[in-house]
PDB file of N, CA and C in Angstrom:
ATOM      1  N   MET A   1     -15.864 -34.100 -12.672  1.00  0.00           N
ATOM      2  CA  MET A   1     -15.970 -33.610 -11.312  1.00  0.00           C
ATOM      3  C   MET A   1     -14.569 -33.418 -10.746  1.00  0.00           C
ATOM      4  N   PHE A   2     -14.398 -32.347 -10.031  1.00  0.00           N
ATOM      5  CA  PHE A   2     -13.101 -32.008  -9.474  1.00  0.00           C
ATOM      6  C   PHE A   2     -13.076 -32.382  -7.996  1.00  0.00           C
ATOM      7  N   THR A   3     -12.162 -33.229  -7.627  1.00  0.00           N
ATOM      8  CA  THR A   3     -12.019 -33.613  -6.224  1.00  0.00           C
ATOM      9  C   THR A   3     -10.564 -33.433  -5.803  1.00  0.00           C
ATOM     10  N   THR A   4     -10.396 -33.053  -4.580  1.00  0.00           N
ATOM     11  CA  THR A   4      -9.052 -32.923  -4.037  1.00  0.00           C
ATOM     12  C   THR A   4      -8.996 -33.637  -2.696  1.00  0.00           C
ATOM     13  N   GLN A   5      -7.806 -34.029  -2.348  1.00  0.00           N
ATOM     14  CA  GLN A   5      -7.588 -34.647  -1.054  1.00  0.00           C
ATOM     15  C   GLN A   5      -6.582 -33.802  -0.296  1.00  0.00           C
ATOM     16  N   THR A   6      -6.865 -33.601   0.963  1.00  0.00           N
ATOM     17  CA  THR A   6      -5.970 -32.830   1.810  1.00  0.00           C
ATOM     18  C   THR A   6      -5.284 -33.789   2.767  1.00  0.00           C
ATOM     19  N   ASP A   7      -3.965 -33.743   2.762  1.00  0.00           N
ATOM     20  CA  ASP A   7      -3.231 -34.654   3.632  1.00  0.00           C
ATOM     21  C   ASP A   7      -3.165 -34.102   5.056  1.00  0.00           C
ATOM     22  N   ALA A   8      -2.700 -34.887   5.964  1.00  0.00           N
ATOM     23  CA  ALA A   8      -2.659 -34.534   7.383  1.00  0.00           C
ATOM     24  C   ALA A   8      -1.695 -33.372   7.635  1.00  0.00           C
ATOM     25  N   TRP A   9      -0.590 -33.327   6.910  1.00  0.00           N
ATOM     26  CA  TRP A   9       0.381 -32.256   7.113  1.00  0.00           C
ATOM     27  C   TRP A   9      -0.232 -30.892   6.771  1.00  0.00           C
ATOM     28  N   THR A  10      -0.987 -30.819   5.693  1.00  0.00           N
ATOM     29  CA  THR A  10      -1.645 -29.568   5.319  1.00  0.00           C
ATOM     30  C   THR A  10      -2.659 -29.155   6.376  1.00  0.00           C
ATOM     31  N   MET A  11      -3.437 -30.072   6.864  1.00  0.00           N
ATOM     32  CA  MET A  11      -4.430 -29.759   7.899  1.00  0.00           C
ATOM     33  C   MET A  11      -3.748 -29.306   9.192  1.00  0.00           C
ATOM     34  N   PHE A  12      -2.652 -29.961   9.559  1.00  0.00           N
ATOM     35  CA  PHE A  12      -1.896 -29.574  10.744  1.00  0.00           C
ATOM     36  C   PHE A  12      -1.347 -28.154  10.592  1.00  0.00           C
ATOM     37  N   THR A  13      -0.840 -27.825   9.419  1.00  0.00           N
ATOM     38  CA  THR A  13      -0.307 -26.496   9.154  1.00  0.00           C
ATOM     39  C   THR A  13      -1.396 -25.432   9.250  1.00  0.00           C
ATOM     40  N   ILE A  14      -2.552 -25.704   8.655  1.00  0.00           N
ATOM     41  CA  ILE A  14      -3.664 -24.754   8.712  1.00  0.00           C
ATOM     42  C   ILE A  14      -4.125 -24.563  10.152  1.00  0.00           C
ATOM     43  N   LEU A  15      -4.253 -25.639  10.895  1.00  0.00           N
ATOM     44  CA  LEU A  15      -4.668 -25.557  12.297  1.00  0.00           C
ATOM     45  C   LEU A  15      -3.637 -24.797  13.135  1.00  0.00           C
ATOM     46  N   GLY A  16      -2.365 -25.057  12.906  1.00  0.00           N
ATOM     47  CA  GLY A  16      -1.306 -24.361  13.637  1.00  0.00           C
ATOM     48  C   GLY A  16      -1.303 -22.865  13.345  1.00  0.00           C
ATOM     49  N   LEU A  17      -1.451 -22.500  12.068  1.00  0.00           N
ATOM     50  CA  LEU A  17      -1.498 -21.085  11.710  1.00  0.00           C
ATOM     51  C   LEU A  17      -2.729 -20.405  12.311  1.00  0.00           C
ATOM     52  N   ALA A  18      -3.849 -21.098  12.351  1.00  0.00           N
ATOM     53  CA  ALA A  18      -5.059 -20.542  12.962  1.00  0.00           C
ATOM     54  C   ALA A  18      -4.847 -20.307  14.453  1.00  0.00           C
ATOM     55  N   CYS A  19      -4.213 -21.247  15.132  1.00  0.00           N
ATOM     56  CA  CYS A  19      -3.954 -21.092  16.567  1.00  0.00           C
ATOM     57  C   CYS A  19      -3.017 -19.917  16.841  1.00  0.00           C
ATOM     58  N   VAL A  20      -1.959 -19.810  16.072  1.00  0.00           N
ATOM     59  CA  VAL A  20      -1.021 -18.707  16.257  1.00  0.00           C
ATOM     60  C   VAL A  20      -1.730 -17.377  16.018  1.00  0.00           C
ATOM     61  N   THR A  21      -2.588 -17.308  15.014  1.00  0.00           N
ATOM     62  CA  THR A  21      -3.316 -16.072  14.734  1.00  0.00           C
ATOM     63  C   THR A  21      -4.249 -15.705  15.867  1.00  0.00           C
ATOM     64  N   VAL A  22      -5.015 -16.665  16.359  1.00  0.00           N
ATOM     65  CA  VAL A  22      -5.963 -16.391  17.441  1.00  0.00           C
ATOM     66  C   VAL A  22      -5.235 -15.968  18.710  1.00  0.00           C
ATOM     67  N   ILE A  23      -4.173 -16.665  19.044  1.00  0.00           N
ATOM     68  CA  ILE A  23      -3.431 -16.339  20.266  1.00  0.00           C
ATOM     69  C   ILE A  23      -2.781 -14.961  20.163  1.00  0.00           C
ATOM     70  N   SER A  24      -2.153 -14.676  19.035  1.00  0.00           N
ATOM     71  CA  SER A  24      -1.464 -13.388  18.912  1.00  0.00           C
ATOM     72  C   SER A  24      -2.446 -12.219  18.875  1.00  0.00           C
ATOM     73  N   ARG A  25      -3.615 -12.411  18.302  1.00  0.00           N
ATOM     74  CA  ARG A  25      -4.598 -11.316  18.248  1.00  0.00           C
ATOM     75  C   ARG A  25      -5.365 -11.156  19.555  1.00  0.00           C
ATOM     76  N   SER A  26      -5.479 -12.214  20.327  1.00  0.00           N
ATOM     77  CA  SER A  26      -6.230 -12.109  21.573  1.00  0.00           C
ATOM     78  C   SER A  26      -5.327 -11.889  22.784  1.00  0.00           C
ATOM     79  N   PHE A  27      -4.036 -11.800  22.593  1.00  0.00           N
ATOM     80  CA  PHE A  27      -3.102 -11.612  23.688  1.00  0.00           C
ATOM     81  C   PHE A  27      -3.437 -10.381  24.522  1.00  0.00           C
ATOM     82  N   PHE A  28      -3.863  -9.317  23.851  1.00  0.00           N
ATOM     83  CA  PHE A  28      -4.152  -8.071  24.558  1.00  0.00           C
ATOM     84  C   PHE A  28      -5.436  -8.168  25.376  1.00  0.00           C
ATOM     85  N   PHE A  29      -6.344  -9.049  24.988  1.00  0.00           N
ATOM     86  CA  PHE A  29      -7.591  -9.222  25.730  1.00  0.00           C
ATOM     87  C   PHE A  29      -7.425 -10.180  26.905  1.00  0.00           C
ATOM     88  N   ILE A  30      -6.502 -11.112  26.797  1.00  0.00           N
ATOM     89  CA  ILE A  30      -6.300 -12.120  27.834  1.00  0.00           C
ATOM     90  C   ILE A  30      -5.608 -11.514  29.062  1.00  0.00           C
ATOM     91  N   SER A  31      -4.714 -10.572  28.836  1.00  0.00           N
ATOM     92  CA  SER A  31      -3.929  -9.994  29.924  1.00  0.00           C
ATOM     93  C   SER A  31      -4.813  -9.180  30.870  1.00  0.00           C
ATOM     94  N   ASN A  32      -4.577  -9.331  32.178  1.00  0.00           N
ATOM     95  CA  ASN A  32      -5.302  -8.564  33.189  1.00  0.00           C
ATOM     96  C   ASN A  32      -4.679  -7.196  33.421  1.00  0.00           C
ATOM     97  N   LYS A  33      -3.431  -7.044  33.040  1.00  0.00           N
ATOM     98  CA  LYS A  33      -2.690  -5.820  33.292  1.00  0.00           C
ATOM     99  C   LYS A  33      -2.848  -4.865  32.100  1.00  0.00           C
ATOM    100  N   GLU A  34      -2.943  -3.583  32.403  1.00  0.00           N
ATOM    101  CA  GLU A  34      -2.988  -2.563  31.350  1.00  0.00           C
ATOM    102  C   GLU A  34      -1.671  -2.598  30.578  1.00  0.00           C
ATOM    103  N   TRP A  35      -1.753  -2.632  29.283  1.00  0.00           N
ATOM    104  CA  TRP A  35      -0.564  -2.760  28.457  1.00  0.00           C
ATOM    105  C   TRP A  35      -0.468  -1.547  27.545  1.00  0.00           C
ATOM    106  N   THR A  36       0.639  -0.810  27.635  1.00  0.00           N
ATOM    107  CA  THR A  36       0.832   0.357  26.782  1.00  0.00           C
ATOM    108  C   THR A  36       2.143   0.230  26.032  1.00  0.00           C
ATOM    109  N   LEU A  37       2.149   0.799  24.864  1.00  0.00           N
ATOM    110  CA  LEU A  37       3.364   0.809  24.061  1.00  0.00           C
ATOM    111  C   LEU A  37       4.304   1.893  24.561  1.00  0.00           C
ATOM    112  N   PRO A  38       5.596   1.692  24.410  1.00  0.00           N
ATOM    113  CA  PRO A  38       6.532   2.772  24.742  1.00  0.00           C
ATOM    114  C   PRO A  38       6.291   3.982  23.827  1.00  0.00           C
ATOM    115  N   ARG A  39       6.719   5.119  24.263  1.00  0.00           N
ATOM    116  CA  ARG A  39       6.495   6.364  23.508  1.00  0.00           C
ATOM    117  C   ARG A  39       7.085   6.288  22.107  1.00  0.00           C
ATOM    118  N   TRP A  40       8.281   5.708  21.977  1.00  0.00           N
ATOM    119  CA  TRP A  40       8.928   5.623  20.677  1.00  0.00           C
ATOM    120  C   TRP A  40       8.138   4.734  19.718  1.00  0.00           C
ATOM    121  N   ALA A  41       7.504   3.679  20.255  1.00  0.00           N
ATOM    122  CA  ALA A  41       6.707   2.793  19.411  1.00  0.00           C
ATOM    123  C   ALA A  41       5.412   3.472  18.972  1.00  0.00           C
ATOM    124  N   GLN A  42       4.798   4.233  19.870  1.00  0.00           N
ATOM    125  CA  GLN A  42       3.595   4.974  19.508  1.00  0.00           C
ATOM    126  C   GLN A  42       3.903   5.994  18.414  1.00  0.00           C
ATOM    127  N   ARG A  43       5.027   6.659  18.559  1.00  0.00           N
ATOM    128  CA  ARG A  43       5.418   7.647  17.544  1.00  0.00           C
ATOM    129  C   ARG A  43       5.718   6.966  16.209  1.00  0.00           C
ATOM    130  N   GLY A  44       6.365   5.833  16.255  1.00  0.00           N
ATOM    131  CA  GLY A  44       6.666   5.107  15.034  1.00  0.00           C
ATOM    132  C   GLY A  44       5.423   4.603  14.311  1.00  0.00           C
ATOM    133  N   LEU A  45       4.421   4.187  15.074  1.00  0.00           N
ATOM    134  CA  LEU A  45       3.187   3.701  14.467  1.00  0.00           C
ATOM    135  C   LEU A  45       2.390   4.800  13.777  1.00  0.00           C
ATOM    136  N   GLN A  46       2.658   6.049  14.110  1.00  0.00           N
ATOM    137  CA  GLN A  46       1.994   7.143  13.415  1.00  0.00           C
ATOM    138  C   GLN A  46       2.419   7.210  11.953  1.00  0.00           C
ATOM    139  N   TYR A  47       3.613   6.737  11.640  1.00  0.00           N
ATOM    140  CA  TYR A  47       4.125   6.789  10.283  1.00  0.00           C
ATOM    141  C   TYR A  47       3.883   5.495   9.508  1.00  0.00           C
ATOM    142  N   ALA A  48       3.307   4.498  10.134  1.00  0.00           N
ATOM    143  CA  ALA A  48       3.110   3.213   9.478  1.00  0.00           C
ATOM    144  C   ALA A  48       2.195   3.287   8.252  1.00  0.00           C
ATOM    145  N   PRO A  49       1.059   3.980   8.302  1.00  0.00           N
ATOM    146  CA  PRO A  49       0.201   4.010   7.110  1.00  0.00           C
ATOM    147  C   PRO A  49       0.870   4.647   5.898  1.00  0.00           C
ATOM    148  N   ILE A  50       1.557   5.761   6.080  1.00  0.00           N
ATOM    149  CA  ILE A  50       2.194   6.415   4.943  1.00  0.00           C
ATOM    150  C   ILE A  50       3.373   5.588   4.432  1.00  0.00           C
ATOM    151  N   ALA A  51       4.065   4.894   5.325  1.00  0.00           N
ATOM    152  CA  ALA A  51       5.171   4.036   4.898  1.00  0.00           C
ATOM    153  C   ALA A  51       4.650   2.848   4.090  1.00  0.00           C
ATOM    154  N   ALA A  52       3.537   2.266   4.524  1.00  0.00           N
ATOM    155  CA  ALA A  52       2.950   1.145   3.783  1.00  0.00           C
ATOM    156  C   ALA A  52       2.446   1.610   2.420  1.00  0.00           C
ATOM    157  N   LEU A  53       1.830   2.776   2.368  1.00  0.00           N
ATOM    158  CA  LEU A  53       1.352   3.317   1.099  1.00  0.00           C
ATOM    159  C   LEU A  53       2.510   3.583   0.148  1.00  0.00           C
ATOM    160  N   ALA A  54       3.586   4.155   0.652  1.00  0.00           N
ATOM    161  CA  ALA A  54       4.754   4.413  -0.183  1.00  0.00           C
ATOM    162  C   ALA A  54       5.381   3.113  -0.678  1.00  0.00           C
ATOM    163  N   ALA A  55       5.387   2.093   0.164  1.00  0.00           N
ATOM    164  CA  ALA A  55       5.978   0.802  -0.235  1.00  0.00           C
ATOM    165  C   ALA A  55       5.167   0.128  -1.334  1.00  0.00           C
ATOM    166  N   VAL A  56       3.888   0.407  -1.400  1.00  0.00           N
ATOM    167  CA  VAL A  56       3.043  -0.177  -2.441  1.00  0.00           C
ATOM    168  C   VAL A  56       3.098   0.657  -3.717  1.00  0.00           C
ATOM    169  N   ILE A  57       3.071   1.978  -3.583  1.00  0.00           N
ATOM    170  CA  ILE A  57       2.961   2.854  -4.750  1.00  0.00           C
ATOM    171  C   ILE A  57       4.298   3.100  -5.440  1.00  0.00           C
ATOM    172  N   ALA A  58       5.371   3.279  -4.704  1.00  0.00           N
ATOM    173  CA  ALA A  58       6.664   3.626  -5.300  1.00  0.00           C
ATOM    174  C   ALA A  58       7.144   2.619  -6.356  1.00  0.00           C
ATOM    175  N   PRO A  59       7.091   1.318  -6.114  1.00  0.00           N
ATOM    176  CA  PRO A  59       7.513   0.400  -7.183  1.00  0.00           C
ATOM    177  C   PRO A  59       6.619   0.485  -8.417  1.00  0.00           C
ATOM    178  N   GLU A  60       5.346   0.795  -8.224  1.00  0.00           N
ATOM    179  CA  GLU A  60       4.437   0.913  -9.356  1.00  0.00           C
ATOM    180  C   GLU A  60       4.790   2.118 -10.219  1.00  0.00           C
ATOM    181  N   ILE A  61       5.320   3.156  -9.611  1.00  0.00           N
ATOM    182  CA  ILE A  61       5.664   4.369 -10.351  1.00  0.00           C
ATOM    183  C   ILE A  61       7.043   4.258 -10.992  1.00  0.00           C
ATOM    184  N   PHE A  62       8.014   3.763 -10.263  1.00  0.00           N
ATOM    185  CA  PHE A  62       9.402   3.836 -10.701  1.00  0.00           C
ATOM    186  C   PHE A  62       9.951   2.544 -11.303  1.00  0.00           C
ATOM    187  N   MET A  63       9.126   1.504 -11.416  1.00  0.00           N
ATOM    188  CA  MET A  63       9.599   0.243 -11.988  1.00  0.00           C
ATOM    189  C   MET A  63       8.641  -0.238 -13.065  1.00  0.00           C
ATOM    190  N   PHE A  64       9.172  -0.974 -14.035  1.00  0.00           N
ATOM    191  CA  PHE A  64       8.357  -1.594 -15.064  1.00  0.00           C
ATOM    192  C   PHE A  64       8.840  -3.025 -15.246  1.00  0.00           C
ATOM    193  N   LYS A  65       7.974  -3.976 -14.965  1.00  0.00           N
ATOM    194  CA  LYS A  65       8.294  -5.408 -15.051  1.00  0.00           C
ATOM    195  C   LYS A  65       9.529  -5.760 -14.228  1.00  0.00           C
ATOM    196  N   GLY A  66       9.651  -5.158 -13.050  1.00  0.00           N
ATOM    197  CA  GLY A  66      10.741  -5.479 -12.141  1.00  0.00           C
ATOM    198  C   GLY A  66      12.047  -4.765 -12.421  1.00  0.00           C
ATOM    199  N   ILE A  67      12.061  -3.868 -13.399  1.00  0.00           N
ATOM    200  CA  ILE A  67      13.282  -3.148 -13.751  1.00  0.00           C
ATOM    201  C   ILE A  67      13.052  -1.662 -13.494  1.00  0.00           C
ATOM    202  N   VAL A  68      14.015  -1.003 -12.864  1.00  0.00           N
ATOM    203  CA  VAL A  68      13.912   0.425 -12.585  1.00  0.00           C
ATOM    204  C   VAL A  68      13.910   1.192 -13.907  1.00  0.00           C
ATOM    205  N   LEU A  69      13.055   2.211 -13.999  1.00  0.00           N
ATOM    206  CA  LEU A  69      12.954   3.007 -15.221  1.00  0.00           C
ATOM    207  C   LEU A  69      14.267   3.726 -15.511  1.00  0.00           C
ATOM    208  N   HIS A  70      14.676   3.688 -16.772  1.00  0.00           N
ATOM    209  CA  HIS A  70      15.897   4.378 -17.184  1.00  0.00           C
ATOM    210  C   HIS A  70      15.598   5.469 -18.196  1.00  0.00           C
ATOM    211  N   THR A  71      14.322   5.818 -18.343  1.00  0.00           N
ATOM    212  CA  THR A  71      13.926   6.822 -19.321  1.00  0.00           C
ATOM    213  C   THR A  71      12.913   7.774 -18.707  1.00  0.00           C
ATOM    214  N   LEU A  72      12.866   8.968 -19.230  1.00  0.00           N
ATOM    215  CA  LEU A  72      11.867   9.925 -18.782  1.00  0.00           C
ATOM    216  C   LEU A  72      10.606   9.853 -19.640  1.00  0.00           C
ATOM    217  N   ALA A  73      10.598   8.988 -20.625  1.00  0.00           N
ATOM    218  CA  ALA A  73       9.438   8.822 -21.503  1.00  0.00           C
ATOM    219  C   ALA A  73       8.463   7.818 -20.898  1.00  0.00           C
ATOM    220  N   ASP A  74       8.006   8.099 -19.695  1.00  0.00           N
ATOM    221  CA  ASP A  74       7.021   7.247 -19.026  1.00  0.00           C
ATOM    222  C   ASP A  74       5.951   8.144 -18.428  1.00  0.00           C
ATOM    223  N   ALA A  75       4.724   7.895 -18.803  1.00  0.00           N
ATOM    224  CA  ALA A  75       3.606   8.747 -18.397  1.00  0.00           C
ATOM    225  C   ALA A  75       3.397   8.742 -16.891  1.00  0.00           C
ATOM    226  N   ARG A  76       3.774   7.670 -16.210  1.00  0.00           N
ATOM    227  CA  ARG A  76       3.561   7.592 -14.765  1.00  0.00           C
ATOM    228  C   ARG A  76       4.359   8.642 -14.001  1.00  0.00           C
ATOM    229  N   LEU A  77       5.549   8.961 -14.482  1.00  0.00           N
ATOM    230  CA  LEU A  77       6.376   9.965 -13.813  1.00  0.00           C
ATOM    231  C   LEU A  77       5.728  11.345 -13.872  1.00  0.00           C
ATOM    232  N   TYR A  78       5.222  11.713 -15.033  1.00  0.00           N
ATOM    233  CA  TYR A  78       4.611  13.032 -15.194  1.00  0.00           C
ATOM    234  C   TYR A  78       3.250  13.100 -14.497  1.00  0.00           C
ATOM    235  N   ALA A  79       2.512  12.011 -14.496  1.00  0.00           N
ATOM    236  CA  ALA A  79       1.238  11.980 -13.777  1.00  0.00           C
ATOM    237  C   ALA A  79       1.463  12.101 -12.281  1.00  0.00           C
ATOM    238  N   THR A  80       2.490  11.452 -11.776  1.00  0.00           N
ATOM    239  CA  THR A  80       2.821  11.559 -10.353  1.00  0.00           C
ATOM    240  C   THR A  80       3.213  12.986 -10.003  1.00  0.00           C
ATOM    241  N   ALA A  81       4.029  13.608 -10.843  1.00  0.00           N
ATOM    242  CA  ALA A  81       4.434  14.997 -10.595  1.00  0.00           C
ATOM    243  C   ALA A  81       3.226  15.928 -10.605  1.00  0.00           C
ATOM    244  N   ALA A  82       2.311  15.741 -11.534  1.00  0.00           N
ATOM    245  CA  ALA A  82       1.108  16.578 -11.601  1.00  0.00           C
ATOM    246  C   ALA A  82       0.238  16.370 -10.366  1.00  0.00           C
ATOM    247  N   GLY A  83       0.084  15.123  -9.946  1.00  0.00           N
ATOM    248  CA  GLY A  83      -0.711  14.839  -8.750  1.00  0.00           C
ATOM    249  C   GLY A  83      -0.102  15.436  -7.494  1.00  0.00           C
ATOM    250  N   VAL A  84       1.197  15.338  -7.353  1.00  0.00           N
ATOM    251  CA  VAL A  84       1.880  15.897  -6.179  1.00  0.00           C
ATOM    252  C   VAL A  84       1.760  17.423  -6.174  1.00  0.00           C
ATOM    253  N   CYS A  85       1.950  18.036  -7.331  1.00  0.00           N
ATOM    254  CA  CYS A  85       1.823  19.503  -7.412  1.00  0.00           C
ATOM    255  C   CYS A  85       0.408  19.944  -7.063  1.00  0.00           C
ATOM    256  N   TYR A  86      -0.592  19.260  -7.587  1.00  0.00           N
ATOM    257  CA  TYR A  86      -1.970  19.624  -7.273  1.00  0.00           C
ATOM    258  C   TYR A  86      -2.251  19.463  -5.784  1.00  0.00           C
ATOM    259  N   PHE A  87      -1.785  18.373  -5.204  1.00  0.00           N
ATOM    260  CA  PHE A  87      -2.043  18.132  -3.785  1.00  0.00           C
ATOM    261  C   PHE A  87      -1.446  19.240  -2.928  1.00  0.00           C
ATOM    262  N   TYR A  88      -0.200  19.640  -3.211  1.00  0.00           N
ATOM    263  CA  TYR A  88       0.423  20.684  -2.407  1.00  0.00           C
ATOM    264  C   TYR A  88      -0.187  22.060  -2.671  1.00  0.00           C
ATOM    265  N   TRP A  89      -0.716  22.252  -3.865  1.00  0.00           N
ATOM    266  CA  TRP A  89      -1.385  23.512  -4.177  1.00  0.00           C
ATOM    267  C   TRP A  89      -2.704  23.629  -3.429  1.00  0.00           C
ATOM    268  N   ARG A  90      -3.459  22.527  -3.316  1.00  0.00           N
ATOM    269  CA  ARG A  90      -4.781  22.537  -2.691  1.00  0.00           C
ATOM    270  C   ARG A  90      -4.781  21.958  -1.287  1.00  0.00           C
ATOM    271  N   ARG A  91      -3.627  21.774  -0.683  1.00  0.00           N
ATOM    272  CA  ARG A  91      -3.545  21.169   0.644  1.00  0.00           C
ATOM    273  C   ARG A  91      -4.383  21.965   1.639  1.00  0.00           C
ATOM    274  N   GLY A  92      -5.184  21.261   2.407  1.00  0.00           N
ATOM    275  CA  GLY A  92      -6.040  21.905   3.387  1.00  0.00           C
ATOM    276  C   GLY A  92      -7.403  22.276   2.842  1.00  0.00           C
ATOM    277  N   ALA A  93      -7.561  22.265   1.535  1.00  0.00           N
ATOM    278  CA  ALA A  93      -8.852  22.577   0.925  1.00  0.00           C
ATOM    279  C   ALA A  93      -9.638  21.285   0.730  1.00  0.00           C
ATOM    280  N   GLY A  94     -10.926  21.421   0.541  1.00  0.00           N
ATOM    281  CA  GLY A  94     -11.763  20.240   0.331  1.00  0.00           C
ATOM    282  C   GLY A  94     -11.451  19.544  -0.981  1.00  0.00           C
ATOM    283  N   GLN A  95     -11.653  18.264  -1.007  1.00  0.00           N
ATOM    284  CA  GLN A  95     -11.489  17.425  -2.195  1.00  0.00           C
ATOM    285  C   GLN A  95     -10.063  17.423  -2.747  1.00  0.00           C
ATOM    286  N   ALA A  96      -9.063  17.557  -1.904  1.00  0.00           N
ATOM    287  CA  ALA A  96      -7.682  17.562  -2.371  1.00  0.00           C
ATOM    288  C   ALA A  96      -7.284  16.200  -2.929  1.00  0.00           C
ATOM    289  N   VAL A  97      -7.776  15.130  -2.331  1.00  0.00           N
ATOM    290  CA  VAL A  97      -7.404  13.791  -2.806  1.00  0.00           C
ATOM    291  C   VAL A  97      -8.058  13.502  -4.150  1.00  0.00           C
ATOM    292  N   LEU A  98      -9.339  13.828  -4.287  1.00  0.00           N
ATOM    293  CA  LEU A  98     -10.023  13.617  -5.564  1.00  0.00           C
ATOM    294  C   LEU A  98      -9.359  14.437  -6.664  1.00  0.00           C
ATOM    295  N   GLY A  99      -9.027  15.685  -6.380  1.00  0.00           N
ATOM    296  CA  GLY A  99      -8.348  16.522  -7.363  1.00  0.00           C
ATOM    297  C   GLY A  99      -6.983  15.980  -7.735  1.00  0.00           C
ATOM    298  N   THR A 100      -6.303  15.394  -6.776  1.00  0.00           N
ATOM    299  CA  THR A 100      -5.000  14.790  -7.048  1.00  0.00           C
ATOM    300  C   THR A 100      -5.141  13.640  -8.038  1.00  0.00           C
ATOM    301  N   ILE A 101      -6.134  12.807  -7.824  1.00  0.00           N
ATOM    302  CA  ILE A 101      -6.366  11.675  -8.727  1.00  0.00           C
ATOM    303  C   ILE A 101      -6.751  12.171 -10.111  1.00  0.00           C
ATOM    304  N   VAL A 102      -7.662  13.127 -10.164  1.00  0.00           N
ATOM    305  CA  VAL A 102      -8.123  13.644 -11.455  1.00  0.00           C
ATOM    306  C   VAL A 102      -6.986  14.324 -12.206  1.00  0.00           C
ATOM    307  N   SER A 103      -6.182  15.143 -11.534  1.00  0.00           N
ATOM    308  CA  SER A 103      -5.087  15.820 -12.219  1.00  0.00           C
ATOM    309  C   SER A 103      -4.024  14.829 -12.691  1.00  0.00           C
ATOM    310  N   GLY A 104      -3.744  13.834 -11.893  1.00  0.00           N
ATOM    311  CA  GLY A 104      -2.785  12.814 -12.315  1.00  0.00           C
ATOM    312  C   GLY A 104      -3.271  12.033 -13.524  1.00  0.00           C
ATOM    313  N   MET A 105      -4.537  11.661 -13.516  1.00  0.00           N
ATOM    314  CA  MET A 105      -5.096  10.922 -14.652  1.00  0.00           C
ATOM    315  C   MET A 105      -5.230  11.805 -15.891  1.00  0.00           C
ATOM    316  N   ALA A 106      -5.470  13.107 -15.687  1.00  0.00           N
ATOM    317  CA  ALA A 106      -5.563  14.033 -16.822  1.00  0.00           C
ATOM    318  C   ALA A 106      -4.216  14.156 -17.536  1.00  0.00           C
ATOM    319  N   VAL A 107      -3.143  13.950 -16.836  1.00  0.00           N
ATOM    320  CA  VAL A 107      -1.819  13.960 -17.456  1.00  0.00           C
ATOM    321  C   VAL A 107      -1.467  12.578 -17.979  1.00  0.00           C
ATOM    322  N   TYR A 108      -1.806  11.550 -17.214  1.00  0.00           N
ATOM    323  CA  TYR A 108      -1.410  10.181 -17.570  1.00  0.00           C
ATOM    324  C   TYR A 108      -2.078   9.692 -18.858  1.00  0.00           C
ATOM    325  N   LEU A 109      -3.381   9.850 -18.949  1.00  0.00           N
ATOM    326  CA  LEU A 109      -4.107   9.264 -20.083  1.00  0.00           C
ATOM    327  C   LEU A 109      -3.669   9.806 -21.446  1.00  0.00           C
ATOM    328  N   PRO A 110      -3.542  11.124 -21.640  1.00  0.00           N
ATOM    329  CA  PRO A 110      -3.072  11.577 -22.958  1.00  0.00           C
ATOM    330  C   PRO A 110      -1.657  11.094 -23.286  1.00  0.00           C
ATOM    331  N   LEU A 111      -0.785  11.077 -22.296  1.00  0.00           N
ATOM    332  CA  LEU A 111       0.577  10.609 -22.555  1.00  0.00           C
ATOM    333  C   LEU A 111       0.620   9.114 -22.834  1.00  0.00           C
ATOM    334  N   HIS A 112      -0.150   8.334 -22.082  1.00  0.00           N
ATOM    335  CA  HIS A 112      -0.132   6.884 -22.248  1.00  0.00           C
ATOM    336  C   HIS A 112      -0.845   6.449 -23.513  1.00  0.00           C
ATOM    337  N   ILE A 113      -2.023   6.993 -23.738  1.00  0.00           N
ATOM    338  CA  ILE A 113      -2.796   6.579 -24.916  1.00  0.00           C
ATOM    339  C   ILE A 113      -2.328   7.309 -26.163  1.00  0.00           C
ATOM    340  N   GLY A 114      -2.140   8.623 -26.042  1.00  0.00           N
ATOM    341  CA  GLY A 114      -1.769   9.408 -27.217  1.00  0.00           C
ATOM    342  C   GLY A 114      -0.351   9.157 -27.707  1.00  0.00           C
ATOM    343  N   LEU A 115       0.606   9.148 -26.813  1.00  0.00           N
ATOM    344  CA  LEU A 115       2.004   8.964 -27.184  1.00  0.00           C
ATOM    345  C   LEU A 115       2.500   7.536 -27.022  1.00  0.00           C
ATOM    346  N   GLY A 116       1.725   6.714 -26.352  1.00  0.00           N
ATOM    347  CA  GLY A 116       2.121   5.333 -26.158  1.00  0.00           C
ATOM    348  C   GLY A 116       3.176   5.125 -25.085  1.00  0.00           C
ATOM    349  N   TRP A 117       3.336   6.092 -24.216  1.00  0.00           N
ATOM    350  CA  TRP A 117       4.327   5.974 -23.150  1.00  0.00           C
ATOM    351  C   TRP A 117       3.875   4.971 -22.136  1.00  0.00           C
TER     352      TRP A 117
END
């Protein structure tokens, strides 16, 4: 049987983090005054999703085991190029994202499995 004991410091930390989370998320509901972001902050938040996506995807494409790629013999580079080209070719048309994924994988799989890149 597996048993664990939680000490007081761990419980205090969990409780403190829960309080900070609840207070910070409910701050906007507690205030009686209308609260608006400055124009520059609103404009900056428009780019947040694409910046977060790039921060997640870029290391996956350009790094291998924490080291920047130093060779062009990597299937991810060519799959990314194919996906980007397809997306810009079909931009504004239906199913552009699905086509981007399919075209990228159509390039990636033969290079990765067939050539071992």
